[in-house]
């Protein structure tokens, strides 16, 4: 690239023609409204063609390209090949489907473009209010602290860091080497992998993550938990935290929170709850009682981009003891000094409660979405998804070709196409092929898991657009494909 000696003559990044960009913006909004309105008429997923993948191998652009052309390239090469979680028959993972108001709020936040960790500006107060709303959703103490993060993984590692430092006020300065005993954290074998990653990153090590066996309901077995805990104490180790899961990713199981809480109280352990998927099921009156002990946990991590359907990404960590939370992260270099007035005044800096110093205006999409819908409607939609899972379970139980493989606790259903004449290996291969063809044909997008060596078709219903006819369409597709594959390949 040639240097330009007259740099002052170079314009900034604002449009040269504002009216053309206004027209393009209107076109984008019109197109996206039509796209979302009619998404149910599209296949649930499309394979990306080779020529489209080749397009993404182009080199770095050097010269400007026409804005309309850039948008046309987006519509041609990117938009048709979306992941599908905005589609009513996306059942693959625990991923929310977003809303139009959420999309609008992302645009507004991007136009304002504030860094929401420090300073006296409105976004800081919106963030504070949204954290307060998060506490109210879970009936968590008002005196607790909280922080918005990218998702459950970051919320969990932040929570475990607070738990580790709360164990000893020497750890922040000296690290865990100062601790005379090896620290141990406990979770079930069904717990999300981010807990193991978090333990590795904060210096505990995966060797000291005790993955406790589960019972027949895929819940943590508290007898085995207590047995392991006492063994570790006897061997001179230092248990410090138990992670309970409210909604495992495999089956949606909820660990026995009351029993785990009582163990934590007896042995002075930190209770952290990974509620990335299921914590907000507390809004469903049919499940709320099982989740009541969330209110008593030392910390809880959960996602807002799942069952609250705000656009990706957004999670939240709540910590009961705000002083423990702040003392884990607070640091004030000279360039971040706060004043009583002016731009450097205002609320306590958010980076005193987490690692990040650069954060987008995450809270606005929650603020606008909840104002538009109210929490009551979200509670109804969560209940609806859970009821739809029971409906799907009932259809499977009535079928001669299908078999339920795990209890249905919330909105995850694990089942398989079954033929008693086939070996376990062939049944597993058959179900793997059914899932792939469901996706390739655009019928629906379930995912898979393995339970007791059985390959499962795993259906996770967290979409506010899903209707019972979508589940009927899925089941008929599974049975038809299973029959065809069985006839042609086995």
Protein backbone atom coordinates (compact mmCIF):
# COMPACT_ATOMS: atom_id res chain seq x y z
CA UNK A 1 0.00 0.00 0.00
CA UNK A 2 1.32 3.40 -0.98
CA UNK A 3 1.69 6.05 1.69
CA UNK A 4 -0.28 9.27 1.40
CA UNK A 5 1.56 12.46 2.31
CA UNK A 6 -1.66 14.45 2.59
CA UNK A 7 -3.31 12.47 5.36
CA UNK A 8 -5.45 15.43 6.40
CA UNK A 9 -7.22 15.18 3.04
CA UNK A 10 -8.42 11.65 3.82
CA UNK A 11 -12.02 11.55 5.04
CA UNK A 12 -13.08 9.57 8.08
CA UNK A 13 -15.33 6.51 8.02
CA UNK A 14 -18.66 8.33 7.87
CA UNK A 15 -20.65 7.78 4.65
CA UNK A 16 -19.87 10.07 1.74
CA UNK A 17 -23.57 10.00 0.90
CA UNK A 18 -25.74 9.80 4.02
CA UNK A 19 -28.98 9.46 2.06
CA UNK A 20 -27.72 6.44 0.13
CA UNK A 21 -26.78 4.80 3.41
CA UNK A 22 -30.18 5.67 4.86
CA UNK A 23 -31.81 3.94 1.89
CA UNK A 24 -29.54 0.90 2.31
CA UNK A 25 -30.36 0.73 6.02
CA UNK A 26 -34.09 0.76 5.30
CA UNK A 27 -33.59 -2.03 2.77
CA UNK A 28 -31.66 -4.12 5.32
CA UNK A 29 -34.43 -3.76 7.89
CA UNK A 30 -37.13 -4.63 5.37
CA UNK A 31 -35.20 -7.68 4.21
CA UNK A 32 -34.50 -8.93 7.73
CA UNK A 33 -38.14 -8.52 8.81
CA UNK A 34 -39.23 -10.61 5.82
CA UNK A 35 -36.50 -13.14 6.55
CA UNK A 36 -37.63 -13.65 10.16
CA UNK A 37 -41.32 -13.54 9.31
CA UNK A 38 -40.97 -16.38 6.80
CA UNK A 39 -38.18 -18.42 8.40
CA UNK A 40 -40.59 -21.29 9.17
CA UNK A 41 -41.10 -21.81 5.43
CA UNK A 42 -37.39 -22.43 4.90
CA UNK A 43 -35.42 -25.64 5.50
CA UNK A 44 -34.12 -25.88 9.04
CA UNK A 45 -30.53 -26.03 7.69
CA UNK A 46 -28.73 -25.85 4.34
CA UNK A 47 -25.39 -27.30 3.35
CA UNK A 48 -22.87 -24.65 2.27
CA UNK A 49 -21.90 -25.09 -1.43
CA UNK A 50 -18.24 -25.41 -2.38
CA UNK A 51 -18.24 -22.18 -4.40
CA UNK A 52 -19.56 -20.29 -1.37
CA UNK A 53 -16.79 -21.69 0.82
CA UNK A 54 -14.28 -20.71 -1.88
CA UNK A 55 -15.59 -17.13 -1.74
CA UNK A 56 -14.44 -16.89 1.88
CA UNK A 57 -10.85 -17.57 0.88
CA UNK A 58 -10.48 -14.13 -0.77
CA UNK A 59 -7.60 -11.99 0.46
CA UNK A 60 -7.82 -8.88 2.62
CA UNK A 61 -9.67 -6.02 0.82
CA UNK A 62 -7.33 -3.12 0.07
CA UNK A 63 -9.59 -0.65 -1.73
CA UNK A 64 -13.16 0.36 -0.81
CA UNK A 65 -16.08 -1.62 -2.18
CA UNK A 66 -19.56 -0.32 -2.87
CA UNK A 67 -21.76 -0.58 0.25
CA UNK A 68 -24.70 -2.02 -1.68
CA UNK A 69 -22.41 -4.64 -3.19
CA UNK A 70 -21.13 -5.58 0.28
CA UNK A 71 -24.72 -6.10 1.43
CA UNK A 72 -25.59 -8.14 -1.66
CA UNK A 73 -22.61 -10.38 -0.92
CA UNK A 74 -23.97 -10.88 2.60
CA UNK A 75 -27.37 -11.90 1.25
CA UNK A 76 -25.84 -14.26 -1.30
CA UNK A 77 -23.05 -15.94 0.63
CA UNK A 78 -23.92 -15.66 4.34
CA UNK A 79 -27.62 -15.23 5.11
CA UNK A 80 -28.89 -18.41 3.35
CA UNK A 81 -26.48 -20.61 5.31
CA UNK A 82 -27.35 -19.59 8.86
CA UNK A 83 -26.94 -22.02 11.74
CA UNK A 84 -30.67 -22.47 12.07
CA UNK A 85 -31.28 -21.63 15.74
CA UNK A 86 -33.72 -18.96 14.55
CA UNK A 87 -35.80 -21.74 12.92
CA UNK A 88 -38.70 -23.36 14.84
CA UNK A 89 -37.35 -26.87 14.12
CA UNK A 90 -33.86 -26.22 15.46
CA UNK A 91 -33.46 -28.68 18.32
CA UNK A 92 -29.70 -29.23 18.24
CA UNK A 93 -28.35 -27.37 21.25
CA UNK A 94 -29.56 -25.08 24.01
CA UNK A 95 -29.55 -21.96 21.84
CA UNK A 96 -32.11 -19.18 21.88
CA UNK A 97 -33.70 -17.86 18.71
CA UNK A 98 -33.54 -14.11 19.31
CA UNK A 99 -36.20 -11.50 18.62
CA UNK A 100 -36.67 -8.60 16.27
CA UNK A 101 -36.58 -6.08 19.14
CA UNK A 102 -33.35 -7.70 20.28
CA UNK A 103 -31.90 -7.16 16.81
CA UNK A 104 -33.01 -3.52 16.80
CA UNK A 105 -31.41 -2.97 20.20
CA UNK A 106 -28.11 -4.38 18.93
CA UNK A 107 -28.11 -1.78 16.19
CA UNK A 108 -28.85 1.01 18.67
CA UNK A 109 -26.13 -0.18 21.03
CA UNK A 110 -23.66 -0.36 18.15
CA UNK A 111 -24.49 3.18 17.05
CA UNK A 112 -23.88 4.50 20.58
CA UNK A 113 -20.82 2.22 20.79
CA UNK A 114 -19.93 2.79 24.47
CA UNK A 115 -17.41 0.80 26.45
CA UNK A 116 -19.57 -0.24 29.39
CA UNK A 117 -17.17 -0.80 32.26
CA UNK A 118 -16.35 2.70 33.51
CA UNK A 119 -17.53 6.29 33.34
CA UNK A 120 -20.61 8.37 33.99
CA UNK A 121 -22.98 7.57 31.11
CA UNK A 122 -26.47 6.09 30.78
CA UNK A 123 -25.33 2.63 29.66
CA UNK A 124 -23.78 2.02 33.10
CA UNK A 125 -27.15 2.60 34.76
CA UNK A 126 -28.93 0.34 32.27
CA UNK A 127 -26.39 -2.37 33.06
CA UNK A 128 -26.99 -1.94 36.79
CA UNK A 129 -30.75 -2.13 36.30
CA UNK A 130 -30.56 -5.28 34.17
CA UNK A 131 -28.40 -7.01 36.80
CA UNK A 132 -31.05 -6.06 39.35
CA UNK A 133 -33.71 -7.62 37.09
CA UNK A 134 -31.60 -10.78 36.85
CA UNK A 135 -31.65 -11.04 40.65
CA UNK A 136 -35.41 -10.60 40.67
CA UNK A 137 -35.90 -13.32 38.03
CA UNK A 138 -34.21 -15.85 40.33
CA UNK A 139 -35.40 -14.34 43.63
CA UNK A 140 -31.75 -13.75 44.51
CA UNK A 141 -30.88 -11.33 47.35
CA UNK A 142 -30.95 -7.65 46.41
CA UNK A 143 -27.71 -7.13 48.37
CA UNK A 144 -25.83 -9.53 46.07
CA UNK A 145 -23.62 -8.44 43.21
CA UNK A 146 -23.72 -9.43 39.55
CA UNK A 147 -22.06 -8.97 36.21
CA UNK A 148 -23.10 -9.49 32.60
CA UNK A 149 -20.70 -11.63 30.57
CA UNK A 150 -20.49 -13.31 27.19
CA UNK A 151 -22.22 -16.49 28.36
CA UNK A 152 -22.35 -19.38 30.78
CA UNK A 153 -18.73 -20.42 30.31
CA UNK A 154 -17.40 -16.98 31.30
CA UNK A 155 -19.96 -16.71 34.10
CA UNK A 156 -18.87 -20.08 35.48
CA UNK A 157 -15.15 -19.35 35.42
CA UNK A 158 -15.78 -15.97 37.03
CA UNK A 159 -17.88 -17.61 39.73
CA UNK A 160 -15.27 -20.29 40.43
CA UNK A 161 -12.57 -17.61 40.65
CA UNK A 162 -14.59 -15.81 43.34
CA UNK A 163 -15.13 -19.14 45.13
CA UNK A 164 -11.40 -19.89 45.04
CA UNK A 165 -10.41 -16.47 46.37
CA UNK A 166 -13.11 -16.53 49.04
CA UNK A 167 -11.41 -19.66 50.39
CA UNK A 168 -8.31 -17.64 51.27
CA UNK A 169 -7.49 -13.93 51.18
CA UNK A 170 -3.89 -14.84 50.33
CA UNK A 171 -4.63 -16.47 46.98
CA UNK A 172 -4.96 -13.27 44.96
CA UNK A 173 -1.48 -12.08 45.97
CA UNK A 174 0.38 -15.36 46.25
CA UNK A 175 -1.63 -17.70 43.99
CA UNK A 176 -2.84 -21.13 44.96
CA UNK A 177 0.77 -22.17 45.73
CA UNK A 178 0.34 -20.36 49.04
CA UNK A 179 -2.43 -22.74 50.00
CA UNK A 180 -1.05 -25.53 52.16
CA UNK A 181 -3.51 -28.11 50.79
CA UNK A 182 -4.59 -28.97 47.26
CA UNK A 183 -7.96 -27.39 46.46
CA UNK A 184 -10.72 -29.69 45.17
CA UNK A 185 -13.95 -28.86 43.32
CA UNK A 186 -16.89 -31.27 42.90
CA UNK A 187 -19.46 -31.66 40.15
CA UNK A 188 -21.38 -34.47 38.47
CA UNK A 189 -20.13 -36.45 35.50
CA UNK A 190 -22.91 -34.77 33.49
CA UNK A 191 -21.64 -31.24 34.25
CA UNK A 192 -20.72 -28.99 31.33
CA UNK A 193 -17.10 -29.19 30.18
CA UNK A 194 -16.54 -25.48 30.90
CA UNK A 195 -16.27 -26.33 34.62
CA UNK A 196 -13.24 -28.52 33.95
CA UNK A 197 -11.73 -25.83 31.70
CA UNK A 198 -12.35 -23.22 34.38
CA UNK A 199 -10.62 -25.36 37.02
CA UNK A 200 -7.62 -25.75 34.73
CA UNK A 201 -7.39 -22.02 34.02
CA UNK A 202 -7.69 -20.89 37.65
CA UNK A 203 -4.95 -23.28 38.73
CA UNK A 204 -6.95 -26.06 40.38
CA UNK A 205 -6.16 -28.59 37.65
CA UNK A 206 -8.51 -31.15 36.16
CA UNK A 207 -7.02 -33.85 38.39
CA UNK A 208 -8.75 -32.14 41.30
CA UNK A 209 -12.15 -31.85 39.64
CA UNK A 210 -14.12 -34.70 41.16
CA UNK A 211 -16.75 -35.84 38.67
CA UNK A 212 -19.33 -37.61 40.79
CA UNK A 213 -21.39 -40.46 39.38
CA UNK A 214 -25.05 -39.84 38.66
CA UNK A 215 -28.16 -41.80 39.56
CA UNK A 216 -30.67 -43.30 37.13
CA UNK A 217 -32.15 -39.82 36.59
CA UNK A 218 -28.71 -38.46 35.55
CA UNK A 219 -28.61 -36.31 38.72
CA UNK A 220 -25.55 -36.07 40.96
CA UNK A 221 -25.54 -38.96 43.44
CA UNK A 222 -25.15 -37.24 46.81
CA UNK A 223 -24.14 -40.43 48.61
CA UNK A 224 -21.21 -40.79 46.25
CA UNK A 225 -20.50 -37.05 46.57
CA UNK A 226 -20.25 -37.30 50.34
CA UNK A 227 -18.15 -40.46 50.11
CA UNK A 228 -15.61 -38.73 47.82
CA UNK A 229 -15.62 -35.57 49.92
CA UNK A 230 -14.78 -37.43 53.12
CA UNK A 231 -12.10 -39.46 51.36
CA UNK A 232 -10.42 -36.28 50.08
CA UNK A 233 -10.49 -34.70 53.55
CA UNK A 234 -8.97 -37.87 55.01
CA UNK A 235 -6.17 -37.73 52.42
CA UNK A 236 -5.28 -34.15 53.37
CA UNK A 237 -6.90 -32.35 50.44
CA UNK A 238 -9.01 -29.19 50.73
CA UNK A 239 -12.53 -29.30 49.27
CA UNK A 240 -13.71 -25.73 48.63
CA UNK A 241 -16.59 -25.77 46.12
CA UNK A 242 -19.43 -27.92 44.81
CA UNK A 243 -20.91 -27.10 41.42
CA UNK A 244 -24.55 -28.12 41.05
CA UNK A 245 -26.18 -28.11 37.63
CA UNK A 246 -29.74 -27.01 36.95
CA UNK A 247 -30.32 -28.47 33.52
CA UNK A 248 -27.52 -30.69 32.23
CA UNK A 249 -26.79 -30.33 28.53
CA UNK A 250 -27.28 -34.03 27.85
CA UNK A 251 -30.67 -34.65 29.42
CA UNK A 252 -31.79 -31.50 31.25
CA UNK A 253 -31.40 -33.15 34.65
CA UNK A 254 -31.47 -31.00 37.79
CA UNK A 255 -29.05 -31.95 40.55
CA UNK A 256 -30.58 -32.41 44.07
CA UNK A 257 -30.00 -28.84 45.22
CA UNK A 258 -31.30 -29.16 48.77
CA UNK A 259 -29.05 -32.12 49.57
CA UNK A 260 -26.03 -30.45 47.98
CA UNK A 261 -26.75 -27.21 49.85
CA UNK A 262 -26.87 -29.08 53.17
CA UNK A 263 -23.52 -30.73 52.45
CA UNK A 264 -22.01 -27.34 51.61
CA UNK A 265 -23.30 -25.84 54.86
CA UNK A 266 -22.02 -28.76 56.96
CA UNK A 267 -18.52 -28.70 55.46
CA UNK A 268 -18.26 -24.94 54.86
CA UNK A 269 -18.05 -25.25 51.06
CA UNK A 270 -18.99 -22.74 48.39
CA UNK A 271 -22.12 -23.70 46.44
CA UNK A 272 -21.94 -22.58 42.82
CA UNK A 273 -24.79 -23.32 40.45
CA UNK A 274 -24.33 -23.77 36.73
CA UNK A 275 -27.76 -22.71 35.55
CA UNK A 276 -26.71 -21.75 32.04
CA UNK A 277 -29.64 -23.66 30.56
CA UNK A 278 -32.11 -24.28 33.35
CA UNK A 279 -31.91 -21.54 35.97
CA UNK A 280 -34.61 -19.52 34.24
CA UNK A 281 -36.91 -22.54 34.41
CA UNK A 282 -37.46 -21.15 37.92
CA UNK A 283 -40.04 -19.00 36.13
CA UNK A 284 -42.03 -22.16 35.30
CA UNK A 285 -44.31 -22.85 38.28
CA UNK A 286 -44.21 -26.59 37.54
CA UNK A 287 -40.43 -26.69 38.06
CA UNK A 288 -39.82 -23.74 40.39
CA UNK A 289 -39.86 -25.81 43.58
CA UNK A 290 -37.00 -28.03 42.34
CA UNK A 291 -34.98 -24.87 41.73
CA UNK A 292 -35.79 -23.03 44.94
CA UNK A 293 -32.32 -23.53 46.41
CA UNK A 294 -30.84 -21.34 43.69
CA UNK A 295 -31.81 -18.50 46.02
CA UNK A 296 -29.44 -19.85 48.70
CA UNK A 297 -26.41 -20.58 46.52
CA UNK A 298 -23.22 -18.56 46.94
CA UNK A 299 -23.15 -17.91 43.19
CA UNK A 300 -25.16 -18.78 40.12
CA UNK A 301 -24.31 -18.56 36.43
CA UNK A 302 -26.99 -18.47 33.74
CA UNK A 303 -27.55 -17.42 30.16
CA UNK A 304 -29.90 -14.79 28.80
CA UNK A 305 -29.30 -15.77 25.17
CA UNK A 306 -31.01 -19.12 25.75
CA UNK A 307 -34.50 -19.03 27.25
CA UNK A 308 -34.69 -15.23 27.40
CA UNK A 309 -33.94 -15.08 23.65
CA UNK A 310 -31.75 -11.99 23.60
CA UNK A 311 -29.31 -12.04 20.66
CA UNK A 312 -25.96 -13.69 21.22
CA UNK A 313 -24.12 -13.35 23.37
CA UNK A 314 -25.08 -12.65 27.00
CA UNK A 315 -24.76 -14.49 30.30
CA UNK A 316 -24.90 -13.40 33.91
CA UNK A 317 -23.14 -14.25 37.16
CA UNK A 318 -24.75 -13.43 40.51
CA UNK A 319 -22.71 -13.61 43.74
CA UNK A 320 -24.37 -13.51 47.14
CA UNK A 321 -21.45 -11.86 48.94
CA UNK A 322 -20.74 -8.70 46.96
CA UNK A 323 -17.56 -7.98 48.95
CA UNK A 324 -16.08 -11.37 48.01
CA UNK A 325 -16.96 -10.69 44.38
CA UNK A 326 -15.39 -7.23 44.28
CA UNK A 327 -12.26 -8.17 46.23
CA UNK A 328 -11.53 -10.91 43.68
CA UNK A 329 -11.15 -8.49 40.76
CA UNK A 330 -10.93 -4.85 41.91
CA UNK A 331 -7.80 -3.00 40.84
CA UNK A 332 -7.44 0.71 40.05
CA UNK A 333 -4.44 1.88 38.00
CA UNK A 334 -3.81 5.61 37.69
CA UNK A 335 -5.56 5.89 34.35
CA UNK A 336 -8.80 4.48 35.81
CA UNK A 337 -9.14 6.70 38.89
CA UNK A 338 -12.73 7.65 39.60
CA UNK A 339 -13.81 11.14 40.61
CA UNK A 340 -16.90 12.45 42.32
CA UNK A 341 -17.98 14.43 39.25
CA UNK A 342 -17.49 14.49 35.50
CA UNK A 343 -16.98 11.66 33.04
CA UNK A 344 -14.88 9.67 35.53
CA UNK A 345 -17.60 9.84 38.17
CA UNK A 346 -20.69 7.70 38.52
CA UNK A 347 -21.17 4.07 39.51
CA UNK A 348 -18.56 1.63 40.75
CA UNK A 349 -16.56 0.44 37.73
CA UNK A 350 -17.88 -2.85 36.33
CA UNK A 351 -14.36 -4.13 35.77
CA UNK A 352 -14.06 -4.32 39.57
CA UNK A 353 -16.30 -7.40 39.29
CA UNK A 354 -14.71 -9.21 36.33
CA UNK A 355 -11.69 -9.53 34.09
CA UNK A 356 -12.83 -7.49 31.10
CA UNK A 357 -12.12 -3.79 30.75
CA UNK A 358 -13.71 -3.60 27.29
CA UNK A 359 -17.39 -4.55 27.09
CA UNK A 360 -20.15 -3.76 24.64
CA UNK A 361 -23.50 -2.32 25.69
CA UNK A 362 -24.79 -5.84 26.40
CA UNK A 363 -27.56 -4.76 28.73
CA UNK A 364 -29.58 -2.77 26.19
CA UNK A 365 -30.95 -5.85 24.40
CA UNK A 366 -32.23 -7.22 27.72
CA UNK A 367 -33.60 -3.85 28.79
CA UNK A 368 -35.53 -3.27 25.57
CA UNK A 369 -36.68 -6.88 25.21
CA UNK A 370 -38.06 -7.14 28.74
CA UNK A 371 -39.77 -3.77 28.47
CA UNK A 372 -41.39 -4.92 25.22
CA UNK A 373 -42.60 -8.34 26.45
CA UNK A 374 -42.52 -8.38 30.25
CA UNK A 375 -41.16 -11.33 32.20
CA UNK A 376 -44.60 -12.99 32.46
CA UNK A 377 -44.60 -13.84 28.77
CA UNK A 378 -41.12 -15.35 28.98
CA UNK A 379 -42.28 -17.49 31.89
CA UNK A 380 -45.21 -18.70 29.78
CA UNK A 381 -42.91 -19.53 26.85
CA UNK A 382 -40.56 -21.52 29.11
CA UNK A 383 -43.54 -23.46 30.45
CA UNK A 384 -44.71 -24.01 26.89
CA UNK A 385 -41.35 -25.50 25.84
CA UNK A 386 -41.35 -27.81 28.84
CA UNK A 387 -44.89 -28.95 28.03
CA UNK A 388 -43.88 -29.51 24.40
CA UNK A 389 -41.12 -31.86 25.61
CA UNK A 390 -43.72 -33.87 27.52
CA UNK A 391 -45.88 -33.93 24.39
CA UNK A 392 -42.94 -35.23 22.35
CA UNK A 393 -42.22 -37.84 25.01
CA UNK A 394 -45.83 -39.05 24.83
CA UNK A 395 -45.62 -39.46 21.05
CA UNK A 396 -42.41 -41.46 21.37
CA UNK A 397 -43.88 -43.71 24.05
CA UNK A 398 -46.84 -44.50 21.78
CA UNK A 399 -44.59 -45.43 18.84
CA UNK A 400 -43.44 -48.98 18.16
CA UNK A 401 -40.31 -47.78 16.36
CA UNK A 402 -39.03 -45.28 18.95
CA UNK A 403 -37.60 -45.59 22.46
CA UNK A 404 -37.11 -42.99 25.23
CA UNK A 405 -33.58 -43.12 26.67
CA UNK A 406 -33.69 -40.62 29.56
CA UNK A 407 -36.25 -39.04 31.89
CA UNK A 408 -37.72 -35.77 30.60
CA UNK A 409 -37.12 -33.16 33.30
CA UNK A 410 -37.37 -29.90 31.37
CA UNK A 411 -37.28 -29.41 27.61
CA UNK A 412 -34.71 -32.00 26.47
CA UNK A 413 -35.86 -35.34 25.06
CA UNK A 414 -33.40 -38.15 24.31
CA UNK A 415 -34.69 -41.07 22.23
CA UNK A 416 -33.74 -43.35 19.35
CA UNK A 417 -35.14 -45.32 16.46
CA UNK A 418 -35.08 -48.92 17.59
CA UNK A 419 -35.17 -52.34 16.01
CA UNK A 420 -34.61 -55.35 18.25
CA UNK A 421 -33.21 -57.41 15.39
CA UNK A 422 -30.15 -55.15 15.12
CA UNK A 423 -27.00 -55.12 17.22
CA UNK A 424 -26.22 -52.12 19.44
CA UNK A 425 -23.54 -51.01 16.98
CA UNK A 426 -25.95 -51.07 14.03
CA UNK A 427 -28.68 -49.28 15.97
CA UNK A 428 -26.18 -46.55 16.88
CA UNK A 429 -25.09 -46.18 13.24
CA UNK A 430 -28.71 -46.09 12.13
CA UNK A 431 -29.58 -43.25 14.50
CA UNK A 432 -26.48 -41.30 13.55
CA UNK A 433 -27.53 -41.50 9.90
CA UNK A 434 -31.11 -40.47 10.75
CA UNK A 435 -29.84 -37.29 12.44
CA UNK A 436 -27.59 -36.40 9.52
CA UNK A 437 -30.34 -36.89 6.97
CA UNK A 438 -32.85 -34.92 9.03
CA UNK A 439 -30.39 -32.03 8.88
CA UNK A 440 -29.34 -32.45 5.25
CA UNK A 441 -32.95 -32.63 4.06
CA UNK A 442 -33.84 -29.55 6.10
CA UNK A 443 -36.55 -31.45 8.00
CA UNK A 444 -35.27 -30.56 11.47
CA UNK A 445 -32.01 -30.08 13.34
CA UNK A 446 -31.70 -32.29 16.41
CA UNK A 447 -28.29 -33.13 17.84
CA UNK A 448 -26.87 -36.33 19.31
CA UNK A 449 -25.46 -37.61 22.55
CA UNK A 450 -24.50 -41.00 24.00
CA UNK A 451 -26.17 -42.37 27.14
CA UNK A 452 -25.13 -45.77 28.49
CA UNK A 453 -23.41 -46.51 25.16
CA UNK A 454 -26.65 -45.80 23.28
CA UNK A 455 -26.53 -43.21 20.50
CA UNK A 456 -29.39 -40.77 21.10
CA UNK A 457 -31.39 -38.39 18.99
CA UNK A 458 -31.34 -35.41 21.34
CA UNK A 459 -34.11 -32.83 20.96
CA UNK A 460 -33.75 -29.59 22.90
CA UNK A 461 -36.79 -27.32 22.72
CA UNK A 462 -35.94 -23.73 23.70
CA UNK A 463 -37.41 -21.92 20.70
CA UNK A 464 -40.27 -19.48 21.18
CA UNK A 465 -41.42 -20.22 17.60
CA UNK A 466 -41.75 -24.01 17.98
CA UNK A 467 -45.25 -25.49 17.74
CA UNK A 468 -46.57 -29.00 18.26
CA UNK A 469 -46.84 -29.51 14.50
CA UNK A 470 -43.07 -28.98 14.29
CA UNK A 471 -42.61 -31.86 16.71
CA UNK A 472 -45.09 -33.99 14.73
CA UNK A 473 -43.08 -33.22 11.58
CA UNK A 474 -39.87 -34.26 13.34
CA UNK A 475 -41.28 -37.59 14.57
CA UNK A 476 -42.76 -38.50 11.20
CA UNK A 477 -39.40 -37.65 9.61
CA UNK A 478 -37.49 -39.85 12.06
CA UNK A 479 -39.80 -42.82 11.49
CA UNK A 480 -39.80 -42.44 7.71
CA UNK A 481 -36.03 -42.03 7.45
CA UNK A 482 -35.43 -44.87 9.90
CA UNK A 483 -37.56 -47.20 7.81
CA UNK A 484 -35.89 -46.14 4.54
CA UNK A 485 -32.32 -46.41 5.90
CA UNK A 486 -33.11 -49.76 7.52
CA UNK A 487 -34.50 -51.09 4.24
CA UNK A 488 -31.62 -49.87 2.06
CA UNK A 489 -28.58 -50.32 4.28
CA UNK A 490 -29.25 -52.96 6.91
